[in-house]
């Protein structure tokens, strides 16, 4: 038997409304023989096997289960000491019930465990817990991620977690918790300004407790009563400007103005802006307004009279640029370490590029988004950023209308193309 898989039989997860624990304790499972178990134990601990003499610390057990689940699964055997000797358990039934509780309550998302209780001729009994990580990434209830390397488990660093998440579809990256973040990293003025918009309409009684509001009302943080671990979405939306870049690397935007229509032209100004999403949006729009004229549909002609100290520049519809900048901030692929979000202003067009997984996205998906059929990343971030309560005040016209308005205004179709994990939008001016 391969050490990586404890048993070849598989069990289907419940599809009815029966409770998690009832399913685990009442569903019959194929029994593992003592010979198979002893063969596993003799080989000692490795990436897929952990041995425990007893279940004494539920928190550490949860960490071990998370580590296995995030590392292709494995087995934990209870009742075996460090010398690979079977000592047995006094109350194996209680151990099984506690393991079910841990898998259900202390791990996110919950895990369906496979449990076996084996008896030996001398009366000693052990419990084998098999873990199949079907929906990674898994974390503990307090927002910590663990990996198993060889016979040891350890907490994933920020860099390891980011690199590891690149291997899976990043739809849930906004919900990944931010290591070392605290309530002091949240901009309370921005958060409570957002909350007050709803207090009167829904007759809500807001406690004005930052941790509780983010955990229970907005679902942007996790933790027990006295714990607070914010997610990437929480920091990006409501983080203090000076802390966002340190807690969520690659969250800034590069802004460049070229004196021409190619990147080989002279750079007039280049800056890197950091901060929460509201600050990023406002900073980007200010930069664009320095070098372009943003107009509405009623004024489509340039009023450049030749007296400007800057070479004649293009005009753009405000709602088109506003929506393009907002989309770049909200729908970027946060799991990718490279490339960065860039807004580049040329003489006759603006190009906005964003990190976006190329694999699986093009070419069909890049055509579908022109009709409003999206593969939306970061739905929580999008919902809050688009809310009037967040006060970003962007146009909210959607990509199909953006493309239509841009074509009508300039007479040229906006270009969309993807390559090397970048999504690029080129908008022509008048």
Foldseek 3Di string as FASTA:
>chain_A
DDQQDLDPDDDDDDDDPDDLVCCQVPDDDDADDPVSVLVNLVVPAWQAEAEALAPDDLVVVLQVLLQQLLAQWHKYKYQADPVSDRRADPCVVVVVVSVSCCQVPFKPPRFRWHWHWDADPVGGIMIMIIGGNPDDDMDTQLQWGWHGHIRDIDTDDPVRVLVSCVVDDQQPQQQRWWPPDDLVQFQLVLVVLLVVVCCVVVVDDDPSPSQCCCVPPLVQWGDDPPGTIGGNLRCQQGGFFVCNCVRQPLLKEKEWEFAADDPVGDTPDIDIGTGHPLRRLVVNVVSVVVQEAADAPVDQDDPCPPPDPRPDAFYYHQLLVLVVSSCQNQQARSSDPDDHWYWYHHRWKIKTKGQADPVPCDDVNVVVQLVVDHPGGRPSSVVSVPDVSSVSPHNPPGNNVSQVRLCVRAVDGWDWDDDPRMTMIMGGGD
